[in-house]
């Protein structure tokens, strides 16, 4: 398994998203699928996926914001990144995106 913590997740081209009433929603252009992130942690993670923060930095933010143990946060964030990638919402880059 590839180590995800040093990678930089970014929304894939063709993915549009918004926060609506505190809930993140995203749509994949290719198949017009609507994805909703209906809990606070999922929404927080999605808002941090910007190509500028590594998976490890996102884990740190979740640990701080939700007072969860790092191993638990790490496992959950890595699993969520896998789900986002599987659904075609993100790509994982080896370097931070340039602004």
N, C-alpha and C. Protein backbone atom coordinates (compact mmCIF):
# COMPACT_ATOMS: atom_id res chain seq x y z
N UNK A 1 0.85 -1.19 0.00
CA UNK A 1 0.00 0.00 0.00
C UNK A 1 0.89 1.25 0.00
N UNK A 2 0.54 2.20 -0.82
CA UNK A 2 1.27 3.46 -0.90
C UNK A 2 0.98 4.28 0.36
N UNK A 3 2.01 4.85 0.92
CA UNK A 3 1.86 5.71 2.09
C UNK A 3 1.19 7.01 1.65
N UNK A 4 0.00 7.30 2.21
CA UNK A 4 -0.77 8.47 1.79
C UNK A 4 -0.43 9.74 2.55
N UNK A 5 0.10 9.64 3.76
CA UNK A 5 0.29 10.82 4.59
C UNK A 5 1.10 11.95 3.94
N UNK A 6 2.14 11.65 3.15
CA UNK A 6 2.89 12.76 2.54
C UNK A 6 2.27 13.27 1.23
N UNK A 7 1.19 12.65 0.77
CA UNK A 7 0.58 13.06 -0.50
C UNK A 7 -0.40 14.21 -0.30
N UNK A 8 -0.64 14.94 -1.39
CA UNK A 8 -1.48 16.13 -1.37
C UNK A 8 -2.76 15.87 -2.15
N UNK A 9 -3.89 15.68 -1.46
CA UNK A 9 -5.15 15.44 -2.16
C UNK A 9 -5.70 16.75 -2.74
N UNK A 10 -6.25 16.64 -3.94
CA UNK A 10 -6.86 17.80 -4.60
C UNK A 10 -8.10 17.32 -5.34
N UNK A 11 -9.13 18.15 -5.42
CA UNK A 11 -10.29 17.76 -6.22
C UNK A 11 -9.87 17.52 -7.67
N UNK A 12 -10.42 16.49 -8.27
CA UNK A 12 -10.12 16.21 -9.67
C UNK A 12 -10.76 17.28 -10.56
N UNK A 13 -10.19 17.47 -11.72
CA UNK A 13 -10.80 18.37 -12.70
C UNK A 13 -12.21 17.85 -12.99
N UNK A 14 -13.15 18.75 -13.11
CA UNK A 14 -14.52 18.35 -13.38
C UNK A 14 -15.34 18.06 -12.14
N UNK A 15 -14.79 18.36 -10.96
CA UNK A 15 -15.55 18.20 -9.71
C UNK A 15 -15.86 19.60 -9.19
N UNK A 16 -17.14 19.85 -8.98
CA UNK A 16 -17.58 21.13 -8.43
C UNK A 16 -18.16 20.86 -7.05
N UNK A 17 -17.92 21.78 -6.11
CA UNK A 17 -18.46 21.57 -4.77
C UNK A 17 -18.84 22.89 -4.13
N UNK A 18 -19.70 22.76 -3.13
CA UNK A 18 -20.19 23.91 -2.37
C UNK A 18 -20.52 23.45 -0.96
N UNK A 19 -20.60 24.42 -0.06
CA UNK A 19 -21.14 24.17 1.27
C UNK A 19 -22.56 24.69 1.27
N UNK A 20 -23.50 23.85 1.61
CA UNK A 20 -24.91 24.24 1.67
C UNK A 20 -25.44 23.93 3.06
N UNK A 21 -25.72 24.96 3.82
CA UNK A 21 -26.22 24.75 5.18
C UNK A 21 -25.25 23.97 6.04
N UNK A 22 -23.97 24.18 5.84
CA UNK A 22 -22.97 23.49 6.63
C UNK A 22 -22.64 22.09 6.17
N UNK A 23 -23.23 21.66 5.05
CA UNK A 23 -22.99 20.33 4.49
C UNK A 23 -22.29 20.50 3.15
N UNK A 24 -21.19 19.79 2.98
CA UNK A 24 -20.48 19.84 1.70
C UNK A 24 -21.17 18.94 0.70
N UNK A 25 -21.30 19.45 -0.52
CA UNK A 25 -21.82 18.65 -1.63
C UNK A 25 -20.87 18.81 -2.80
N UNK A 26 -20.71 17.74 -3.55
CA UNK A 26 -19.85 17.78 -4.73
C UNK A 26 -20.53 17.02 -5.84
N UNK A 27 -20.25 17.42 -7.07
CA UNK A 27 -20.79 16.72 -8.22
C UNK A 27 -19.64 16.41 -9.17
N UNK A 28 -19.65 15.20 -9.67
CA UNK A 28 -18.64 14.80 -10.65
C UNK A 28 -19.24 15.02 -12.04
N UNK A 29 -18.57 15.86 -12.79
CA UNK A 29 -19.06 16.26 -14.11
C UNK A 29 -19.23 15.07 -15.05
N UNK A 30 -18.29 14.15 -15.02
CA UNK A 30 -18.29 13.04 -15.97
C UNK A 30 -19.56 12.21 -15.90
N UNK A 31 -20.03 11.92 -14.68
CA UNK A 31 -21.22 11.06 -14.57
C UNK A 31 -22.40 11.76 -13.88
N UNK A 32 -22.25 13.05 -13.60
CA UNK A 32 -23.31 13.85 -12.98
C UNK A 32 -23.80 13.27 -11.66
N UNK A 33 -22.89 12.67 -10.90
CA UNK A 33 -23.25 12.10 -9.61
C UNK A 33 -23.09 13.15 -8.52
N UNK A 34 -24.10 13.27 -7.67
CA UNK A 34 -24.07 14.18 -6.54
C UNK A 34 -23.59 13.42 -5.31
N UNK A 35 -22.59 13.96 -4.65
CA UNK A 35 -22.03 13.36 -3.44
C UNK A 35 -22.26 14.33 -2.29
N UNK A 36 -22.75 13.84 -1.16
CA UNK A 36 -22.96 14.70 0.00
C UNK A 36 -22.11 14.19 1.16
N UNK A 37 -21.63 15.12 1.95
CA UNK A 37 -20.80 14.83 3.11
C UNK A 37 -21.60 15.29 4.32
N UNK A 38 -22.41 14.39 4.83
CA UNK A 38 -23.44 14.78 5.79
C UNK A 38 -23.03 14.78 7.25
N UNK A 39 -21.75 14.58 7.55
CA UNK A 39 -21.36 14.75 8.94
C UNK A 39 -20.23 15.78 9.02
N UNK A 40 -20.05 16.31 10.20
CA UNK A 40 -19.10 17.41 10.39
C UNK A 40 -17.68 17.04 9.99
N UNK A 41 -17.24 15.84 10.33
CA UNK A 41 -15.87 15.44 10.05
C UNK A 41 -15.66 15.30 8.54
N UNK A 42 -16.58 14.65 7.86
CA UNK A 42 -16.46 14.48 6.41
C UNK A 42 -16.45 15.84 5.71
N UNK A 43 -17.32 16.74 6.15
CA UNK A 43 -17.35 18.08 5.57
C UNK A 43 -16.03 18.81 5.84
N UNK A 44 -15.52 18.70 7.06
CA UNK A 44 -14.24 19.35 7.40
C UNK A 44 -13.11 18.82 6.52
N UNK A 45 -13.05 17.50 6.38
CA UNK A 45 -12.00 16.91 5.54
C UNK A 45 -12.13 17.41 4.12
N UNK A 46 -13.34 17.40 3.57
CA UNK A 46 -13.52 17.85 2.18
C UNK A 46 -13.07 19.29 2.01
N UNK A 47 -13.36 20.15 2.97
CA UNK A 47 -12.95 21.55 2.83
C UNK A 47 -11.43 21.71 2.91
N UNK A 48 -10.75 20.75 3.50
CA UNK A 48 -9.28 20.80 3.60
C UNK A 48 -8.58 20.21 2.38
N UNK A 49 -9.32 19.52 1.54
CA UNK A 49 -8.75 18.92 0.32
C UNK A 49 -8.62 20.02 -0.72
N UNK A 50 -7.42 20.61 -0.77
CA UNK A 50 -7.22 21.75 -1.66
C UNK A 50 -5.93 21.68 -2.48
N UNK A 51 -5.22 20.56 -2.35
CA UNK A 51 -3.96 20.42 -3.07
C UNK A 51 -2.80 21.12 -2.39
N UNK A 52 -3.07 21.89 -1.34
CA UNK A 52 -2.04 22.62 -0.61
C UNK A 52 -1.65 21.90 0.69
N UNK A 53 -2.56 21.10 1.22
CA UNK A 53 -2.32 20.39 2.48
C UNK A 53 -2.11 18.91 2.19
N UNK A 54 -1.16 18.32 2.89
CA UNK A 54 -0.93 16.88 2.75
C UNK A 54 -1.99 16.13 3.57
N UNK A 55 -2.10 14.85 3.29
CA UNK A 55 -3.01 14.01 4.09
C UNK A 55 -2.59 14.09 5.56
N UNK A 56 -1.30 14.08 5.83
CA UNK A 56 -0.81 14.19 7.21
C UNK A 56 -1.24 15.49 7.87
N UNK A 57 -1.19 16.59 7.13
CA UNK A 57 -1.63 17.88 7.69
C UNK A 57 -3.14 17.88 7.95
N UNK A 58 -3.88 17.22 7.09
CA UNK A 58 -5.33 17.10 7.31
C UNK A 58 -5.60 16.28 8.57
N UNK A 59 -4.85 15.21 8.76
CA UNK A 59 -4.98 14.41 9.98
C UNK A 59 -4.74 15.29 11.20
N UNK A 60 -3.70 16.09 11.18
CA UNK A 60 -3.40 16.98 12.31
C UNK A 60 -4.56 17.91 12.61
N UNK A 61 -5.17 18.47 11.59
CA UNK A 61 -6.31 19.38 11.79
C UNK A 61 -7.49 18.64 12.41
N UNK A 62 -7.72 17.40 12.00
CA UNK A 62 -8.82 16.62 12.55
C UNK A 62 -8.54 16.27 14.02
N UNK A 63 -7.30 15.92 14.33
CA UNK A 63 -6.92 15.62 15.71
C UNK A 63 -7.19 16.84 16.60
N UNK A 64 -6.78 18.01 16.13
CA UNK A 64 -6.96 19.24 16.90
C UNK A 64 -8.43 19.63 17.03
N UNK A 65 -9.17 19.55 15.95
CA UNK A 65 -10.55 20.02 15.94
C UNK A 65 -11.51 19.08 16.67
N UNK A 66 -11.24 17.79 16.64
CA UNK A 66 -12.21 16.83 17.18
C UNK A 66 -11.68 16.04 18.38
N UNK A 67 -10.51 16.40 18.89
CA UNK A 67 -9.94 15.76 20.06
C UNK A 67 -9.99 14.24 19.97
N UNK A 68 -9.54 13.72 18.84
CA UNK A 68 -9.49 12.29 18.60
C UNK A 68 -8.03 11.86 18.64
N UNK A 69 -7.78 10.63 19.01
CA UNK A 69 -6.42 10.11 19.04
C UNK A 69 -5.85 10.07 17.62
N UNK A 70 -4.58 10.38 17.48
CA UNK A 70 -3.96 10.43 16.16
C UNK A 70 -4.08 9.12 15.38
N UNK A 71 -3.82 7.95 15.98
CA UNK A 71 -3.95 6.71 15.18
C UNK A 71 -5.36 6.51 14.62
N UNK A 72 -6.36 6.87 15.40
CA UNK A 72 -7.75 6.75 14.93
C UNK A 72 -8.02 7.73 13.80
N UNK A 73 -7.59 8.99 13.99
CA UNK A 73 -7.80 10.00 12.95
C UNK A 73 -7.06 9.62 11.68
N UNK A 74 -5.85 9.13 11.83
CA UNK A 74 -5.04 8.74 10.67
C UNK A 74 -5.73 7.64 9.87
N UNK A 75 -6.19 6.61 10.57
CA UNK A 75 -6.87 5.49 9.89
C UNK A 75 -8.14 5.97 9.20
N UNK A 76 -8.92 6.81 9.88
CA UNK A 76 -10.18 7.29 9.31
C UNK A 76 -9.96 8.21 8.11
N UNK A 77 -9.01 9.13 8.22
CA UNK A 77 -8.74 10.05 7.12
C UNK A 77 -8.19 9.29 5.91
N UNK A 78 -7.28 8.37 6.13
CA UNK A 78 -6.72 7.59 5.03
C UNK A 78 -7.83 6.78 4.35
N UNK A 79 -8.71 6.17 5.15
CA UNK A 79 -9.83 5.41 4.57
C UNK A 79 -10.75 6.32 3.77
N UNK A 80 -11.01 7.52 4.30
CA UNK A 80 -11.88 8.47 3.60
C UNK A 80 -11.24 8.94 2.30
N UNK A 81 -9.93 9.16 2.31
CA UNK A 81 -9.23 9.54 1.08
C UNK A 81 -9.38 8.44 0.03
N UNK A 82 -9.29 7.19 0.46
CA UNK A 82 -9.48 6.07 -0.46
C UNK A 82 -10.87 6.08 -1.06
N UNK A 83 -11.87 6.37 -0.25
CA UNK A 83 -13.25 6.44 -0.74
C UNK A 83 -13.43 7.59 -1.73
N UNK A 84 -12.87 8.76 -1.39
CA UNK A 84 -12.97 9.91 -2.29
C UNK A 84 -12.29 9.62 -3.63
N UNK A 85 -11.17 8.96 -3.56
CA UNK A 85 -10.44 8.60 -4.79
C UNK A 85 -11.23 7.59 -5.62
N UNK A 86 -11.79 6.59 -4.94
CA UNK A 86 -12.59 5.56 -5.61
C UNK A 86 -13.81 6.17 -6.32
N UNK A 87 -14.39 7.19 -5.72
CA UNK A 87 -15.57 7.84 -6.30
C UNK A 87 -15.20 8.88 -7.36
N UNK A 88 -13.91 9.05 -7.62
CA UNK A 88 -13.47 9.97 -8.66
C UNK A 88 -13.51 11.43 -8.27
N UNK A 89 -13.48 11.70 -6.96
CA UNK A 89 -13.56 13.08 -6.49
C UNK A 89 -12.19 13.74 -6.31
N UNK A 90 -11.17 12.94 -6.01
CA UNK A 90 -9.84 13.52 -5.76
C UNK A 90 -8.77 12.79 -6.53
N UNK A 91 -7.63 13.47 -6.61
CA UNK A 91 -6.40 12.84 -7.05
C UNK A 91 -5.37 13.12 -5.96
N UNK A 92 -4.41 12.23 -5.84
CA UNK A 92 -3.36 12.38 -4.83
C UNK A 92 -2.06 12.70 -5.54
N UNK A 93 -1.49 13.85 -5.19
CA UNK A 93 -0.27 14.32 -5.83
C UNK A 93 0.92 14.20 -4.89
N UNK A 94 2.10 14.08 -5.47
CA UNK A 94 3.32 13.96 -4.67
C UNK A 94 3.82 15.32 -4.19
N UNK A 95 3.34 16.39 -4.81
CA UNK A 95 3.76 17.75 -4.43
C UNK A 95 2.53 18.63 -4.27
N UNK A 96 2.66 19.67 -3.47
CA UNK A 96 1.58 20.62 -3.29
C UNK A 96 1.33 21.36 -4.60
N UNK A 97 0.08 21.68 -4.82
CA UNK A 97 -0.29 22.43 -6.01
C UNK A 97 0.24 23.85 -5.91
N UNK A 98 0.61 24.42 -7.02
CA UNK A 98 1.02 25.82 -7.03
C UNK A 98 -0.23 26.68 -7.11
N UNK A 99 -0.13 27.81 -6.50
CA UNK A 99 -1.33 28.68 -6.48
C UNK A 99 -1.42 29.53 -7.69
